[in-house]
Amino acid sequence: MPKLIFPNEGVTFEVAAGTNLREAALAQGINIYPPMCRYLNCRGHGLCGTCKVELSDPTAVEPAAKTRAEKRHTFDIPEWSKIRLACQCRVARDLVVKTYPRLPLGWYSYPTYQHLRGS
């Protein structure tokens, strides 16, 4: 069974393979939404883009490539980032999930400044 680690919350737990990441987090009482979006979200249908999380290994979820809904809501986030929508990911292997990720914006997102972003 894959293990999910949420370092910001200090929570670690196991889930069955194929479990939806958003549903697993909410079942454990981990809120993945920013403050106002806790009440105003699409309930996991991939319509709002408010459940952004940063994954330690983007290939540890299925599908490994971003879905159409994710591409629509993360068009301004560079491809090299590990930001995904929790509602569109199913857990396949052990994974570290950071809630409320710092999004790479502006000049910070250009490959020239890769050494500054710690990747």
PDB file of N, CA and C in Angstrom:
ATOM      1  N   MET A   1       0.847  -1.180   0.000  1.00  0.00           N
ATOM      2  CA  MET A   1       0.000   0.000   0.000  1.00  0.00           C
ATOM      3  C   MET A   1       0.891   1.241   0.000  1.00  0.00           C
ATOM      4  N   PRO A   2       0.598   2.180  -0.904  1.00  0.00           N
ATOM      5  CA  PRO A   2       1.390   3.414  -0.958  1.00  0.00           C
ATOM      6  C   PRO A   2       1.219   4.263   0.301  1.00  0.00           C
ATOM      7  N   LYS A   3       2.294   4.948   0.658  1.00  0.00           N
ATOM      8  CA  LYS A   3       2.285   5.816   1.827  1.00  0.00           C
ATOM      9  C   LYS A   3       2.271   7.265   1.362  1.00  0.00           C
ATOM     10  N   LEU A   4       1.373   8.072   1.930  1.00  0.00           N
ATOM     11  CA  LEU A   4       1.300   9.503   1.637  1.00  0.00           C
ATOM     12  C   LEU A   4       1.873  10.272   2.818  1.00  0.00           C
ATOM     13  N   ILE A   5       2.760  11.199   2.515  1.00  0.00           N
ATOM     14  CA  ILE A   5       3.386  12.024   3.549  1.00  0.00           C
ATOM     15  C   ILE A   5       3.036  13.481   3.268  1.00  0.00           C
ATOM     16  N   PHE A   6       2.419  14.141   4.230  1.00  0.00           N
ATOM     17  CA  PHE A   6       2.087  15.553   4.136  1.00  0.00           C
ATOM     18  C   PHE A   6       2.961  16.300   5.142  1.00  0.00           C
ATOM     19  N   PRO A   7       4.148  16.807   4.715  1.00  0.00           N
ATOM     20  CA  PRO A   7       5.079  17.429   5.668  1.00  0.00           C
ATOM     21  C   PRO A   7       4.563  18.715   6.306  1.00  0.00           C
ATOM     22  N   ASN A   8       3.780  19.512   5.596  1.00  0.00           N
ATOM     23  CA  ASN A   8       3.260  20.760   6.164  1.00  0.00           C
ATOM     24  C   ASN A   8       2.320  20.498   7.337  1.00  0.00           C
ATOM     25  N   GLU A   9       1.607  19.388   7.286  1.00  0.00           N
ATOM     26  CA  GLU A   9       0.664  19.035   8.341  1.00  0.00           C
ATOM     27  C   GLU A   9       1.254  18.049   9.342  1.00  0.00           C
ATOM     28  N   GLY A  10       2.388  17.422   8.979  1.00  0.00           N
ATOM     29  CA  GLY A  10       3.003  16.427   9.851  1.00  0.00           C
ATOM     30  C   GLY A  10       2.214  15.138   9.915  1.00  0.00           C
ATOM     31  N   VAL A  11       1.611  14.742   8.798  1.00  0.00           N
ATOM     32  CA  VAL A  11       0.754  13.558   8.764  1.00  0.00           C
ATOM     33  C   VAL A  11       1.304  12.558   7.750  1.00  0.00           C
ATOM     34  N   THR A  12       1.313  11.284   8.137  1.00  0.00           N
ATOM     35  CA  THR A  12       1.700  10.193   7.250  1.00  0.00           C
ATOM     36  C   THR A  12       0.658   9.092   7.389  1.00  0.00           C
ATOM     37  N   PHE A  13       0.211   8.548   6.260  1.00  0.00           N
ATOM     38  CA  PHE A  13      -0.762   7.463   6.299  1.00  0.00           C
ATOM     39  C   PHE A  13      -0.684   6.645   5.020  1.00  0.00           C
ATOM     40  N   GLU A  14      -1.251   5.466   5.051  1.00  0.00           N
ATOM     41  CA  GLU A  14      -1.266   4.584   3.893  1.00  0.00           C
ATOM     42  C   GLU A  14      -2.640   4.580   3.250  1.00  0.00           C
ATOM     43  N   VAL A  15      -2.636   4.410   1.929  1.00  0.00           N
ATOM     44  CA  VAL A  15      -3.886   4.323   1.177  1.00  0.00           C
ATOM     45  C   VAL A  15      -3.778   3.167   0.195  1.00  0.00           C
ATOM     46  N   ALA A  16      -4.887   2.715  -0.302  1.00  0.00           N
ATOM     47  CA  ALA A  16      -4.885   1.683  -1.334  1.00  0.00           C
ATOM     48  C   ALA A  16      -4.423   2.291  -2.654  1.00  0.00           C
ATOM     49  N   ALA A  17      -3.730   1.510  -3.454  1.00  0.00           N
ATOM     50  CA  ALA A  17      -3.290   1.989  -4.764  1.00  0.00           C
ATOM     51  C   ALA A  17      -4.513   2.344  -5.603  1.00  0.00           C
ATOM     52  N   GLY A  18      -4.439   3.470  -6.292  1.00  0.00           N
ATOM     53  CA  GLY A  18      -5.553   3.920  -7.125  1.00  0.00           C
ATOM     54  C   GLY A  18      -6.498   4.873  -6.418  1.00  0.00           C
ATOM     55  N   THR A  19      -6.207   5.195  -5.161  1.00  0.00           N
ATOM     56  CA  THR A  19      -7.043   6.126  -4.403  1.00  0.00           C
ATOM     57  C   THR A  19      -6.850   7.545  -4.908  1.00  0.00           C
ATOM     58  N   ASN A  20      -7.934   8.289  -5.012  1.00  0.00           N
ATOM     59  CA  ASN A  20      -7.871   9.688  -5.433  1.00  0.00           C
ATOM     60  C   ASN A  20      -7.162  10.488  -4.350  1.00  0.00           C
ATOM     61  N   LEU A  21      -6.188  11.306  -4.746  1.00  0.00           N
ATOM     62  CA  LEU A  21      -5.371  12.060  -3.796  1.00  0.00           C
ATOM     63  C   LEU A  21      -6.207  13.054  -2.989  1.00  0.00           C
ATOM     64  N   ARG A  22      -7.123  13.752  -3.626  1.00  0.00           N
ATOM     65  CA  ARG A  22      -7.973  14.722  -2.927  1.00  0.00           C
ATOM     66  C   ARG A  22      -8.838  14.030  -1.876  1.00  0.00           C
ATOM     67  N   GLU A  23      -9.467  12.921  -2.262  1.00  0.00           N
ATOM     68  CA  GLU A  23     -10.345  12.206  -1.346  1.00  0.00           C
ATOM     69  C   GLU A  23      -9.574  11.624  -0.164  1.00  0.00           C
ATOM     70  N   ALA A  24      -8.357  11.124  -0.426  1.00  0.00           N
ATOM     71  CA  ALA A  24      -7.542  10.570   0.656  1.00  0.00           C
ATOM     72  C   ALA A  24      -7.160  11.654   1.657  1.00  0.00           C
ATOM     73  N   ALA A  25      -6.775  12.824   1.160  1.00  0.00           N
ATOM     74  CA  ALA A  25      -6.385  13.923   2.050  1.00  0.00           C
ATOM     75  C   ALA A  25      -7.577  14.396   2.884  1.00  0.00           C
ATOM     76  N   LEU A  26      -8.710  14.591   2.251  1.00  0.00           N
ATOM     77  CA  LEU A  26      -9.886  15.063   2.984  1.00  0.00           C
ATOM     78  C   LEU A  26     -10.377  14.033   3.996  1.00  0.00           C
ATOM     79  N   ALA A  27     -10.242  12.742   3.684  1.00  0.00           N
ATOM     80  CA  ALA A  27     -10.652  11.688   4.620  1.00  0.00           C
ATOM     81  C   ALA A  27      -9.797  11.704   5.886  1.00  0.00           C
ATOM     82  N   GLN A  28      -8.559  12.170   5.770  1.00  0.00           N
ATOM     83  CA  GLN A  28      -7.665  12.257   6.923  1.00  0.00           C
ATOM     84  C   GLN A  28      -7.742  13.616   7.620  1.00  0.00           C
ATOM     85  N   GLY A  29      -8.631  14.482   7.157  1.00  0.00           N
ATOM     86  CA  GLY A  29      -8.795  15.797   7.776  1.00  0.00           C
ATOM     87  C   GLY A  29      -7.785  16.825   7.310  1.00  0.00           C
ATOM     88  N   ILE A  30      -7.117  16.562   6.193  1.00  0.00           N
ATOM     89  CA  ILE A  30      -6.141  17.501   5.641  1.00  0.00           C
ATOM     90  C   ILE A  30      -6.853  18.371   4.626  1.00  0.00           C
ATOM     91  N   ASN A  31      -6.835  19.670   4.853  1.00  0.00           N
ATOM     92  CA  ASN A  31      -7.488  20.583   3.929  1.00  0.00           C
ATOM     93  C   ASN A  31      -6.477  21.033   2.878  1.00  0.00           C
ATOM     94  N   ILE A  32      -6.752  20.734   1.624  1.00  0.00           N
ATOM     95  CA  ILE A  32      -5.830  21.081   0.543  1.00  0.00           C
ATOM     96  C   ILE A  32      -6.199  22.394  -0.134  1.00  0.00           C
ATOM     97  N   TYR A  33      -7.303  22.987   0.284  1.00  0.00           N
ATOM     98  CA  TYR A  33      -7.786  24.214  -0.353  1.00  0.00           C
ATOM     99  C   TYR A  33      -7.315  25.469   0.379  1.00  0.00           C
ATOM    100  N   PRO A  34      -7.044  26.544  -0.374  1.00  0.00           N
ATOM    101  CA  PRO A  34      -6.778  27.841   0.262  1.00  0.00           C
ATOM    102  C   PRO A  34      -8.025  28.293   1.028  1.00  0.00           C
ATOM    103  N   PRO A  35      -7.893  29.256   1.954  1.00  0.00           N
ATOM    104  CA  PRO A  35      -8.989  29.609   2.863  1.00  0.00           C
ATOM    105  C   PRO A  35     -10.388  29.763   2.253  1.00  0.00           C
ATOM    106  N   MET A  36     -10.597  30.647   1.328  1.00  0.00           N
ATOM    107  CA  MET A  36     -11.950  30.856   0.819  1.00  0.00           C
ATOM    108  C   MET A  36     -12.427  29.702  -0.060  1.00  0.00           C
ATOM    109  N   CYS A  37     -11.490  29.014  -0.672  1.00  0.00           N
ATOM    110  CA  CYS A  37     -11.851  27.911  -1.572  1.00  0.00           C
ATOM    111  C   CYS A  37     -12.296  26.665  -0.815  1.00  0.00           C
ATOM    112  N   ARG A  38     -12.167  26.672   0.505  1.00  0.00           N
ATOM    113  CA  ARG A  38     -12.663  25.542   1.285  1.00  0.00           C
ATOM    114  C   ARG A  38     -14.165  25.392   1.115  1.00  0.00           C
ATOM    115  N   TYR A  39     -14.818  26.488   0.833  1.00  0.00           N
ATOM    116  CA  TYR A  39     -16.269  26.484   0.669  1.00  0.00           C
ATOM    117  C   TYR A  39     -16.684  26.629  -0.791  1.00  0.00           C
ATOM    118  N   LEU A  40     -15.828  27.261  -1.577  1.00  0.00           N
ATOM    119  CA  LEU A  40     -16.138  27.511  -2.977  1.00  0.00           C
ATOM    120  C   LEU A  40     -15.193  26.711  -3.862  1.00  0.00           C
ATOM    121  N   ASN A  41     -15.539  25.450  -4.103  1.00  0.00           N
ATOM    122  CA  ASN A  41     -14.736  24.618  -4.990  1.00  0.00           C
ATOM    123  C   ASN A  41     -15.661  23.687  -5.753  1.00  0.00           C
ATOM    124  N   CYS A  42     -15.105  22.945  -6.686  1.00  0.00           N
ATOM    125  CA  CYS A  42     -15.928  22.112  -7.567  1.00  0.00           C
ATOM    126  C   CYS A  42     -16.151  20.700  -7.029  1.00  0.00           C
ATOM    127  N   ARG A  43     -15.717  20.427  -5.809  1.00  0.00           N
ATOM    128  CA  ARG A  43     -15.890  19.130  -5.149  1.00  0.00           C
ATOM    129  C   ARG A  43     -15.207  17.984  -5.901  1.00  0.00           C
ATOM    130  N   GLY A  44     -14.068  18.284  -6.517  1.00  0.00           N
ATOM    131  CA  GLY A  44     -13.267  17.232  -7.133  1.00  0.00           C
ATOM    132  C   GLY A  44     -13.575  16.880  -8.567  1.00  0.00           C
ATOM    133  N   HIS A  45     -14.191  17.782  -9.293  1.00  0.00           N
ATOM    134  CA  HIS A  45     -14.525  17.504 -10.693  1.00  0.00           C
ATOM    135  C   HIS A  45     -13.546  18.117 -11.684  1.00  0.00           C
ATOM    136  N   GLY A  46     -12.499  18.774 -11.213  1.00  0.00           N
ATOM    137  CA  GLY A  46     -11.498  19.354 -12.108  1.00  0.00           C
ATOM    138  C   GLY A  46     -11.950  20.622 -12.803  1.00  0.00           C
ATOM    139  N   LEU A  47     -12.915  21.318 -12.230  1.00  0.00           N
ATOM    140  CA  LEU A  47     -13.473  22.509 -12.872  1.00  0.00           C
ATOM    141  C   LEU A  47     -12.911  23.817 -12.332  1.00  0.00           C
ATOM    142  N   CYS A  48     -12.356  23.825 -11.115  1.00  0.00           N
ATOM    143  CA  CYS A  48     -11.972  25.105 -10.512  1.00  0.00           C
ATOM    144  C   CYS A  48     -10.459  25.323 -10.395  1.00  0.00           C
ATOM    145  N   GLY A  49      -9.672  24.277 -10.245  1.00  0.00           N
ATOM    146  CA  GLY A  49      -8.232  24.425 -10.135  1.00  0.00           C
ATOM    147  C   GLY A  49      -7.747  24.901  -8.780  1.00  0.00           C
ATOM    148  N   THR A  50      -8.540  24.762  -7.735  1.00  0.00           N
ATOM    149  CA  THR A  50      -8.140  25.262  -6.413  1.00  0.00           C
ATOM    150  C   THR A  50      -7.419  24.227  -5.555  1.00  0.00           C
ATOM    151  N   CYS A  51      -7.363  22.982  -5.979  1.00  0.00           N
ATOM    152  CA  CYS A  51      -6.730  21.937  -5.168  1.00  0.00           C
ATOM    153  C   CYS A  51      -5.298  21.659  -5.627  1.00  0.00           C
ATOM    154  N   LYS A  52      -4.564  22.701  -5.945  1.00  0.00           N
ATOM    155  CA  LYS A  52      -3.172  22.528  -6.396  1.00  0.00           C
ATOM    156  C   LYS A  52      -2.297  22.051  -5.238  1.00  0.00           C
ATOM    157  N   VAL A  53      -1.483  21.036  -5.529  1.00  0.00           N
ATOM    158  CA  VAL A  53      -0.517  20.513  -4.577  1.00  0.00           C
ATOM    159  C   VAL A  53       0.803  20.296  -5.305  1.00  0.00           C
ATOM    160  N   GLU A  54       1.887  20.222  -4.538  1.00  0.00           N
ATOM    161  CA  GLU A  54       3.190  19.944  -5.123  1.00  0.00           C
ATOM    162  C   GLU A  54       3.586  18.525  -4.750  1.00  0.00           C
ATOM    163  N   LEU A  55       3.898  17.712  -5.748  1.00  0.00           N
ATOM    164  CA  LEU A  55       4.245  16.317  -5.535  1.00  0.00           C
ATOM    165  C   LEU A  55       5.753  16.124  -5.586  1.00  0.00           C
ATOM    166  N   SER A  56       6.272  15.247  -4.739  1.00  0.00           N
ATOM    167  CA  SER A  56       7.714  14.972  -4.750  1.00  0.00           C
ATOM    168  C   SER A  56       8.110  14.245  -6.024  1.00  0.00           C
ATOM    169  N   ASP A  57       7.236  13.386  -6.514  1.00  0.00           N
ATOM    170  CA  ASP A  57       7.495  12.609  -7.725  1.00  0.00           C
ATOM    171  C   ASP A  57       6.217  12.570  -8.563  1.00  0.00           C
ATOM    172  N   PRO A  58       6.111  13.427  -9.587  1.00  0.00           N
ATOM    173  CA  PRO A  58       4.892  13.464 -10.390  1.00  0.00           C
ATOM    174  C   PRO A  58       4.568  12.154 -11.104  1.00  0.00           C
ATOM    175  N   THR A  59       5.549  11.251 -11.229  1.00  0.00           N
ATOM    176  CA  THR A  59       5.272   9.972 -11.880  1.00  0.00           C
ATOM    177  C   THR A  59       4.710   8.940 -10.904  1.00  0.00           C
ATOM    178  N   ALA A  60       4.586   9.297  -9.619  1.00  0.00           N
ATOM    179  CA  ALA A  60       4.044   8.375  -8.615  1.00  0.00           C
ATOM    180  C   ALA A  60       2.525   8.407  -8.569  1.00  0.00           C
ATOM    181  N   VAL A  61       1.924   9.148  -9.485  1.00  0.00           N
ATOM    182  CA  VAL A  61       0.462   9.209  -9.573  1.00  0.00           C
ATOM    183  C   VAL A  61       0.031   8.806 -10.973  1.00  0.00           C
ATOM    184  N   GLU A  62      -1.206   8.411 -11.088  1.00  0.00           N
ATOM    185  CA  GLU A  62      -1.767   8.076 -12.398  1.00  0.00           C
ATOM    186  C   GLU A  62      -2.880   9.063 -12.692  1.00  0.00           C
ATOM    187  N   PRO A  63      -2.990   9.614 -13.840  1.00  0.00           N
ATOM    188  CA  PRO A  63      -2.049   9.503 -14.956  1.00  0.00           C
ATOM    189  C   PRO A  63      -0.791  10.330 -14.686  1.00  0.00           C
ATOM    190  N   ALA A  64       0.347   9.877 -15.216  1.00  0.00           N
ATOM    191  CA  ALA A  64       1.618  10.582 -15.013  1.00  0.00           C
ATOM    192  C   ALA A  64       1.627  11.916 -15.750  1.00  0.00           C
ATOM    193  N   ALA A  65       0.962  11.980 -16.884  1.00  0.00           N
ATOM    194  CA  ALA A  65       0.855  13.234 -17.643  1.00  0.00           C
ATOM    195  C   ALA A  65      -0.357  14.013 -17.132  1.00  0.00           C
ATOM    196  N   LYS A  66      -0.297  15.322 -17.281  1.00  0.00           N
ATOM    197  CA  LYS A  66      -1.416  16.157 -16.829  1.00  0.00           C
ATOM    198  C   LYS A  66      -2.655  15.898 -17.677  1.00  0.00           C
ATOM    199  N   THR A  67      -3.800  15.878 -17.014  1.00  0.00           N
ATOM    200  CA  THR A  67      -5.062  15.698 -17.719  1.00  0.00           C
ATOM    201  C   THR A  67      -5.453  17.007 -18.400  1.00  0.00           C
ATOM    202  N   ARG A  68      -6.487  16.952 -19.211  1.00  0.00           N
ATOM    203  CA  ARG A  68      -6.958  18.154 -19.900  1.00  0.00           C
ATOM    204  C   ARG A  68      -7.399  19.226 -18.906  1.00  0.00           C
ATOM    205  N   ALA A  69      -8.052  18.807 -17.831  1.00  0.00           N
ATOM    206  CA  ALA A  69      -8.490  19.761 -16.804  1.00  0.00           C
ATOM    207  C   ALA A  69      -7.293  20.422 -16.141  1.00  0.00           C
ATOM    208  N   GLU A  70      -6.246  19.657 -15.881  1.00  0.00           N
ATOM    209  CA  GLU A  70      -5.047  20.229 -15.258  1.00  0.00           C
ATOM    210  C   GLU A  70      -4.356  21.210 -16.180  1.00  0.00           C
ATOM    211  N   LYS A  71      -4.265  20.870 -17.443  1.00  0.00           N
ATOM    212  CA  LYS A  71      -3.629  21.781 -18.399  1.00  0.00           C
ATOM    213  C   LYS A  71      -4.389  23.099 -18.470  1.00  0.00           C
ATOM    214  N   ARG A  72      -5.703  23.029 -18.375  1.00  0.00           N
ATOM    215  CA  ARG A  72      -6.540  24.226 -18.437  1.00  0.00           C
ATOM    216  C   ARG A  72      -6.318  25.121 -17.210  1.00  0.00           C
ATOM    217  N   HIS A  73      -6.125  24.523 -16.048  1.00  0.00           N
ATOM    218  CA  HIS A  73      -5.998  25.310 -14.812  1.00  0.00           C
ATOM    219  C   HIS A  73      -4.564  25.598 -14.400  1.00  0.00           C
ATOM    220  N   THR A  74      -3.593  24.992 -15.080  1.00  0.00           N
ATOM    221  CA  THR A  74      -2.192  25.255 -14.750  1.00  0.00           C
ATOM    222  C   THR A  74      -1.434  25.740 -15.988  1.00  0.00           C
ATOM    223  N   PHE A  75      -2.123  26.406 -16.894  1.00  0.00           N
ATOM    224  CA  PHE A  75      -1.482  26.865 -18.127  1.00  0.00           C
ATOM    225  C   PHE A  75      -0.367  27.875 -17.860  1.00  0.00           C
ATOM    226  N   ASP A  76      -0.453  28.617 -16.771  1.00  0.00           N
ATOM    227  CA  ASP A  76       0.559  29.626 -16.462  1.00  0.00           C
ATOM    228  C   ASP A  76       1.691  29.078 -15.591  1.00  0.00           C
ATOM    229  N   ILE A  77       1.624  27.800 -15.241  1.00  0.00           N
ATOM    230  CA  ILE A  77       2.657  27.167 -14.434  1.00  0.00           C
ATOM    231  C   ILE A  77       3.553  26.359 -15.364  1.00  0.00           C
ATOM    232  N   PRO A  78       4.864  26.553 -15.306  1.00  0.00           N
ATOM    233  CA  PRO A  78       5.781  25.851 -16.215  1.00  0.00           C
ATOM    234  C   PRO A  78       5.686  24.328 -16.100  1.00  0.00           C
ATOM    235  N   GLU A  79       6.005  23.652 -17.183  1.00  0.00           N
ATOM    236  CA  GLU A  79       5.938  22.191 -17.219  1.00  0.00           C
ATOM    237  C   GLU A  79       6.907  21.527 -16.248  1.00  0.00           C
ATOM    238  N   TRP A  80       8.041  22.180 -15.950  1.00  0.00           N
ATOM    239  CA  TRP A  80       9.021  21.571 -15.055  1.00  0.00           C
ATOM    240  C   TRP A  80       8.559  21.534 -13.605  1.00  0.00           C
ATOM    241  N   SER A  81       7.540  22.317 -13.261  1.00  0.00           N
ATOM    242  CA  SER A  81       7.085  22.325 -11.869  1.00  0.00           C
ATOM    243  C   SER A  81       6.352  21.021 -11.544  1.00  0.00           C
ATOM    244  N   LYS A  82       6.271  20.711 -10.286  1.00  0.00           N
ATOM    245  CA  LYS A  82       5.638  19.475  -9.844  1.00  0.00           C
ATOM    246  C   LYS A  82       4.235  19.732  -9.308  1.00  0.00           C
ATOM    247  N   ILE A  83       3.615  20.794  -9.789  1.00  0.00           N
ATOM    248  CA  ILE A  83       2.279  21.182  -9.341  1.00  0.00           C
ATOM    249  C   ILE A  83       1.232  20.377 -10.108  1.00  0.00           C
ATOM    250  N   ARG A  84       0.323  19.760  -9.374  1.00  0.00           N
ATOM    251  CA  ARG A  84      -0.772  19.010  -9.983  1.00  0.00           C
ATOM    252  C   ARG A  84      -2.065  19.332  -9.234  1.00  0.00           C
ATOM    253  N   LEU A  85      -3.196  19.006  -9.833  1.00  0.00           N
ATOM    254  CA  LEU A  85      -4.486  19.120  -9.163  1.00  0.00           C
ATOM    255  C   LEU A  85      -4.735  17.814  -8.420  1.00  0.00           C
ATOM    256  N   ALA A  86      -4.978  17.894  -7.141  1.00  0.00           N
ATOM    257  CA  ALA A  86      -5.161  16.694  -6.324  1.00  0.00           C
ATOM    258  C   ALA A  86      -6.370  15.878  -6.780  1.00  0.00           C
ATOM    259  N   CYS A  87      -7.394  16.541  -7.274  1.00  0.00           N
ATOM    260  CA  CYS A  87      -8.607  15.826  -7.672  1.00  0.00           C
ATOM    261  C   CYS A  87      -8.419  15.001  -8.942  1.00  0.00           C
ATOM    262  N   GLN A  88      -7.353  15.254  -9.690  1.00  0.00           N
ATOM    263  CA  GLN A  88      -7.120  14.551 -10.939  1.00  0.00           C
ATOM    264  C   GLN A  88      -6.071  13.448 -10.820  1.00  0.00           C
ATOM    265  N   CYS A  89      -5.539  13.224  -9.624  1.00  0.00           N
ATOM    266  CA  CYS A  89      -4.449  12.265  -9.429  1.00  0.00           C
ATOM    267  C   CYS A  89      -4.897  11.063  -8.612  1.00  0.00           C
ATOM    268  N   ARG A  90      -4.444   9.892  -9.036  1.00  0.00           N
ATOM    269  CA  ARG A  90      -4.654   8.663  -8.285  1.00  0.00           C
ATOM    270  C   ARG A  90      -3.287   8.154  -7.827  1.00  0.00           C
ATOM    271  N   VAL A  91      -3.177   7.801  -6.574  1.00  0.00           N
ATOM    272  CA  VAL A  91      -1.899   7.418  -5.971  1.00  0.00           C
ATOM    273  C   VAL A  91      -1.482   6.037  -6.474  1.00  0.00           C
ATOM    274  N   ALA A  92      -0.212   5.943  -6.941  1.00  0.00           N
ATOM    275  CA  ALA A  92       0.319   4.665  -7.405  1.00  0.00           C
ATOM    276  C   ALA A  92       1.456   4.166  -6.519  1.00  0.00           C
ATOM    277  N   ARG A  93       2.292   5.095  -6.024  1.00  0.00           N
ATOM    278  CA  ARG A  93       3.443   4.736  -5.184  1.00  0.00           C
ATOM    279  C   ARG A  93       3.556   5.729  -4.032  1.00  0.00           C
ATOM    280  N   ASP A  94       4.551   5.493  -3.154  1.00  0.00           N
ATOM    281  CA  ASP A  94       4.805   6.409  -2.035  1.00  0.00           C
ATOM    282  C   ASP A  94       5.009   7.822  -2.554  1.00  0.00           C
ATOM    283  N   LEU A  95       4.516   8.793  -1.807  1.00  0.00           N
ATOM    284  CA  LEU A  95       4.484  10.149  -2.313  1.00  0.00           C
ATOM    285  C   LEU A  95       4.535  11.168  -1.173  1.00  0.00           C
ATOM    286  N   VAL A  96       5.300  12.234  -1.383  1.00  0.00           N
ATOM    287  CA  VAL A  96       5.314  13.370  -0.466  1.00  0.00           C
ATOM    288  C   VAL A  96       4.513  14.480  -1.124  1.00  0.00           C
ATOM    289  N   VAL A  97       3.499  14.983  -0.420  1.00  0.00           N
ATOM    290  CA  VAL A  97       2.579  15.972  -0.973  1.00  0.00           C
ATOM    291  C   VAL A  97       2.658  17.253  -0.148  1.00  0.00           C
ATOM    292  N   LYS A  98       2.989  18.355  -0.792  1.00  0.00           N
ATOM    293  CA  LYS A  98       3.024  19.648  -0.098  1.00  0.00           C
ATOM    294  C   LYS A  98       1.777  20.433  -0.467  1.00  0.00           C
ATOM    295  N   THR A  99       1.015  20.808   0.551  1.00  0.00           N
ATOM    296  CA  THR A  99      -0.176  21.622   0.323  1.00  0.00           C
ATOM    297  C   THR A  99       0.220  23.083   0.247  1.00  0.00           C
ATOM    298  N   TYR A 100      -0.611  23.886  -0.369  1.00  0.00           N
ATOM    299  CA  TYR A 100      -0.375  25.317  -0.554  1.00  0.00           C
ATOM    300  C   TYR A 100       1.002  25.586  -1.165  1.00  0.00           C
ATOM    301  N   PRO A 101       1.265  25.036  -2.348  1.00  0.00           N
ATOM    302  CA  PRO A 101       2.595  25.213  -2.945  1.00  0.00           C
ATOM    303  C   PRO A 101       2.864  26.658  -3.360  1.00  0.00           C
ATOM    304  N   ARG A 102       4.120  27.019  -3.344  1.00  0.00           N
ATOM    305  CA  ARG A 102       4.527  28.335  -3.834  1.00  0.00           C
ATOM    306  C   ARG A 102       4.641  28.228  -5.344  1.00  0.00           C
ATOM    307  N   LEU A 103       3.788  28.922  -6.045  1.00  0.00           N
ATOM    308  CA  LEU A 103       3.743  28.819  -7.496  1.00  0.00           C
ATOM    309  C   LEU A 103       4.843  29.646  -8.141  1.00  0.00           C
ATOM    310  N   PRO A 104       5.545  29.069  -9.127  1.00  0.00           N
ATOM    311  CA  PRO A 104       6.598  29.810  -9.832  1.00  0.00           C
ATOM    312  C   PRO A 104       5.973  30.814 -10.799  1.00  0.00           C
ATOM    313  N   LEU A 105       6.125  32.082 -10.517  1.00  0.00           N
ATOM    314  CA  LEU A 105       5.512  33.108 -11.354  1.00  0.00           C
ATOM    315  C   LEU A 105       6.557  34.122 -11.822  1.00  0.00           C
ATOM    316  N   GLY A 106       6.250  34.825 -12.897  1.00  0.00           N
ATOM    317  CA  GLY A 106       7.108  35.896 -13.391  1.00  0.00           C
ATOM    318  C   GLY A 106       8.471  35.416 -13.835  1.00  0.00           C
ATOM    319  N   TRP A 107       9.488  36.201 -13.578  1.00  0.00           N
ATOM    320  CA  TRP A 107      10.847  35.887 -14.014  1.00  0.00           C
ATOM    321  C   TRP A 107      11.346  34.605 -13.378  1.00  0.00           C
ATOM    322  N   TYR A 108      10.831  34.261 -12.234  1.00  0.00           N
ATOM    323  CA  TYR A 108      11.244  33.078 -11.487  1.00  0.00           C
ATOM    324  C   TYR A 108      10.961  31.791 -12.264  1.00  0.00           C
ATOM    325  N   SER A 109      10.013  31.835 -13.193  1.00  0.00           N
ATOM    326  CA  SER A 109       9.623  30.634 -13.914  1.00  0.00           C
ATOM    327  C   SER A 109      10.483  30.347 -15.136  1.00  0.00           C
ATOM    328  N   TYR A 110      11.387  31.239 -15.513  1.00  0.00           N
ATOM    329  CA  TYR A 110      12.212  31.026 -16.697  1.00  0.00           C
ATOM    330  C   TYR A 110      13.373  30.076 -16.407  1.00  0.00           C
ATOM    331  N   PRO A 111      13.713  29.207 -17.368  1.00  0.00           N
ATOM    332  CA  PRO A 111      14.797  28.235 -17.152  1.00  0.00           C
ATOM    333  C   PRO A 111      16.132  28.881 -16.803  1.00  0.00           C
ATOM    334  N   THR A 112      16.378  30.111 -17.242  1.00  0.00           N
ATOM    335  CA  THR A 112      17.628  30.800 -16.954  1.00  0.00           C
ATOM    336  C   THR A 112      17.866  30.922 -15.450  1.00  0.00           C
ATOM    337  N   TYR A 113      16.802  31.030 -14.675  1.00  0.00           N
ATOM    338  CA  TYR A 113      16.915  31.232 -13.231  1.00  0.00           C
ATOM    339  C   TYR A 113      16.679  29.945 -12.441  1.00  0.00           C
ATOM    340  N   GLN A 114      16.898  28.811 -13.086  1.00  0.00           N
ATOM    341  CA  GLN A 114      16.659  27.513 -12.435  1.00  0.00           C
ATOM    342  C   GLN A 114      17.494  27.352 -11.173  1.00  0.00           C
ATOM    343  N   HIS A 115      18.690  27.885 -11.155  1.00  0.00           N
ATOM    344  CA  HIS A 115      19.552  27.733  -9.981  1.00  0.00           C
ATOM    345  C   HIS A 115      18.976  28.446  -8.744  1.00  0.00           C
ATOM    346  N   LEU A 116      18.072  29.399  -8.936  1.00  0.00           N
ATOM    347  CA  LEU A 116      17.493  30.122  -7.806  1.00  0.00           C
ATOM    348  C   LEU A 116      16.307  29.402  -7.168  1.00  0.00           C
ATOM    349  N   ARG A 117      15.678  28.495  -7.903  1.00  0.00           N
ATOM    350  CA  ARG A 117      14.464  27.870  -7.388  1.00  0.00           C
ATOM    351  C   ARG A 117      14.733  26.577  -6.640  1.00  0.00           C
ATOM    352  N   GLY A 118      15.980  26.186  -6.523  1.00  0.00           N
ATOM    353  CA  GLY A 118      16.314  25.025  -5.714  1.00  0.00           C
ATOM    354  C   GLY A 118      16.013  23.691  -6.353  1.00  0.00           C
ATOM    355  N   SER A 119      15.862  23.611  -7.668  1.00  0.00           N
ATOM    356  CA  SER A 119      15.581  22.317  -8.321  1.00  0.00           C
ATOM    357  C   SER A 119      16.865  21.678  -8.757  1.00  0.00           C
TER     358      SER A 119
END
